[in-house]
Amino acid sequence: MTWSARVVLIVAVTALALTMVLCAAFAWVDVHRVELFHFAYFNACSIHAYQYHWQNAARLRENFRYDFTLSPISFVLVEVWVIDGPILKFSQRVPIEC
């Protein structure tokens, strides 16, 4: 599958926007209090997720996995768990037509 320049631009702008929101969230919450960080781009056409995952192994012994295969839409997701605080979750749909 070839991606049009428009789709690549939409994914890049979405990732940049979510990163900016994430940076603002990290400024609001002390970075040393992060338990889990997860970034994912899911392509519903190819049913494949491109993911980056980090978790504090000292606090979270169970390895968390995310399964997006049942999702009918493509999206970008950023999730941050904070020690004794909120779960920050940001997502944006990516308009890709299969």
Protein backbone atom coordinates (compact mmCIF):
# COMPACT_ATOMS: atom_id res chain seq x y z
CA MET A 1 0.00 0.00 0.00
CA THR A 2 1.39 3.39 -0.94
CA TRP A 3 0.63 6.34 1.23
CA SER A 4 -0.31 9.64 -0.31
CA ALA A 5 1.54 12.77 0.74
CA ARG A 6 -1.67 14.00 2.39
CA VAL A 7 -1.91 10.96 4.68
CA VAL A 8 1.76 11.22 5.66
CA LEU A 9 1.26 14.93 6.43
CA ILE A 10 -1.84 14.19 8.53
CA VAL A 11 0.00 11.52 10.53
CA ALA A 12 3.00 13.80 11.06
CA VAL A 13 0.88 16.77 12.18
CA THR A 14 -1.20 14.55 14.47
CA ALA A 15 1.92 13.06 16.06
CA LEU A 16 3.40 16.54 16.50
CA ALA A 17 0.21 17.85 18.11
CA LEU A 18 0.00 14.91 20.49
CA THR A 19 3.68 15.31 21.36
CA MET A 20 3.10 18.97 22.21
CA VAL A 21 0.17 18.02 24.45
CA LEU A 22 2.31 15.32 26.05
CA CYS A 23 5.14 17.79 26.74
CA ALA A 24 2.65 20.15 28.39
CA ALA A 25 1.36 17.24 30.48
CA PHE A 26 4.91 16.33 31.55
CA ALA A 27 5.51 19.95 32.55
CA TRP A 28 2.31 19.80 34.61
CA VAL A 29 3.17 16.43 36.19
CA ASP A 30 6.62 15.65 37.60
CA VAL A 31 8.37 13.40 35.05
CA HIS A 32 9.80 11.18 37.79
CA ARG A 33 6.28 10.13 38.71
CA VAL A 34 5.54 8.43 35.36
CA GLU A 35 4.68 4.72 35.71
CA LEU A 36 3.86 3.90 32.11
CA PHE A 37 4.23 5.59 28.73
CA HIS A 38 2.69 4.22 25.54
CA PHE A 39 2.72 5.71 22.03
CA ALA A 40 1.00 3.92 19.18
CA TYR A 41 0.03 4.49 15.57
CA PHE A 42 -2.53 1.93 14.39
CA ASN A 43 -3.21 1.43 10.67
CA ALA A 44 -6.62 -0.23 10.31
CA CYS A 45 -6.03 -1.00 6.61
CA SER A 46 -3.02 -3.21 7.27
CA ILE A 47 -4.20 -4.14 10.81
CA HIS A 48 -0.76 -3.25 12.15
CA ALA A 49 0.26 -1.09 15.10
CA TYR A 50 3.58 0.74 15.33
CA GLN A 51 4.19 1.15 19.06
CA TYR A 52 6.67 2.42 21.62
CA HIS A 53 6.09 1.25 25.19
CA TRP A 54 7.93 1.92 28.45
CA GLN A 55 6.87 1.07 31.99
CA ASN A 56 8.47 1.32 35.40
CA ALA A 57 9.32 -2.32 36.12
CA ALA A 58 9.87 -1.62 39.83
CA ARG A 59 6.23 -0.52 40.26
CA LEU A 60 4.45 -2.43 37.49
CA ARG A 61 5.55 -6.05 37.46
CA GLU A 62 2.97 -7.19 34.88
CA ASN A 63 3.98 -6.35 31.31
CA PHE A 64 1.06 -4.48 29.74
CA ARG A 65 0.22 -5.13 26.09
CA TYR A 66 -2.19 -3.30 23.84
CA ASP A 67 -4.21 -5.04 21.12
CA PHE A 68 -5.84 -2.78 18.55
CA THR A 69 -6.70 -5.43 15.94
CA LEU A 70 -10.47 -5.08 16.40
CA SER A 71 -10.45 -1.32 15.78
CA PRO A 72 -12.12 -0.29 12.50
CA ILE A 73 -10.32 3.09 12.43
CA SER A 74 -6.71 4.25 12.15
CA PHE A 75 -5.45 6.45 14.97
CA VAL A 76 -2.54 7.82 16.99
CA LEU A 77 -2.57 7.24 20.77
CA VAL A 78 -0.44 8.54 23.63
CA GLU A 79 -1.09 7.21 27.15
CA VAL A 80 0.76 8.19 30.34
CA TRP A 81 0.14 6.70 33.79
CA VAL A 82 1.20 8.85 36.72
CA ILE A 83 2.02 7.52 40.21
CA ASP A 84 -0.94 8.31 42.50
CA GLY A 85 -2.33 10.56 39.82
CA PRO A 86 -4.41 10.67 36.67
CA ILE A 87 -4.07 8.55 33.57
CA LEU A 88 -3.38 10.95 30.73
CA LYS A 89 -4.73 9.65 27.42
CA PHE A 90 -4.64 11.51 24.13
CA SER A 91 -5.82 10.07 20.84
CA GLN A 92 -6.59 11.30 17.37
CA ARG A 93 -8.22 9.52 14.46
CA VAL A 94 -6.19 9.38 11.24
CA PRO A 95 -8.44 9.58 8.15
CA ILE A 96 -7.09 6.75 6.01
CA GLU A 97 -9.43 5.09 3.52
CA CYS A 98 -8.76 1.44 2.79
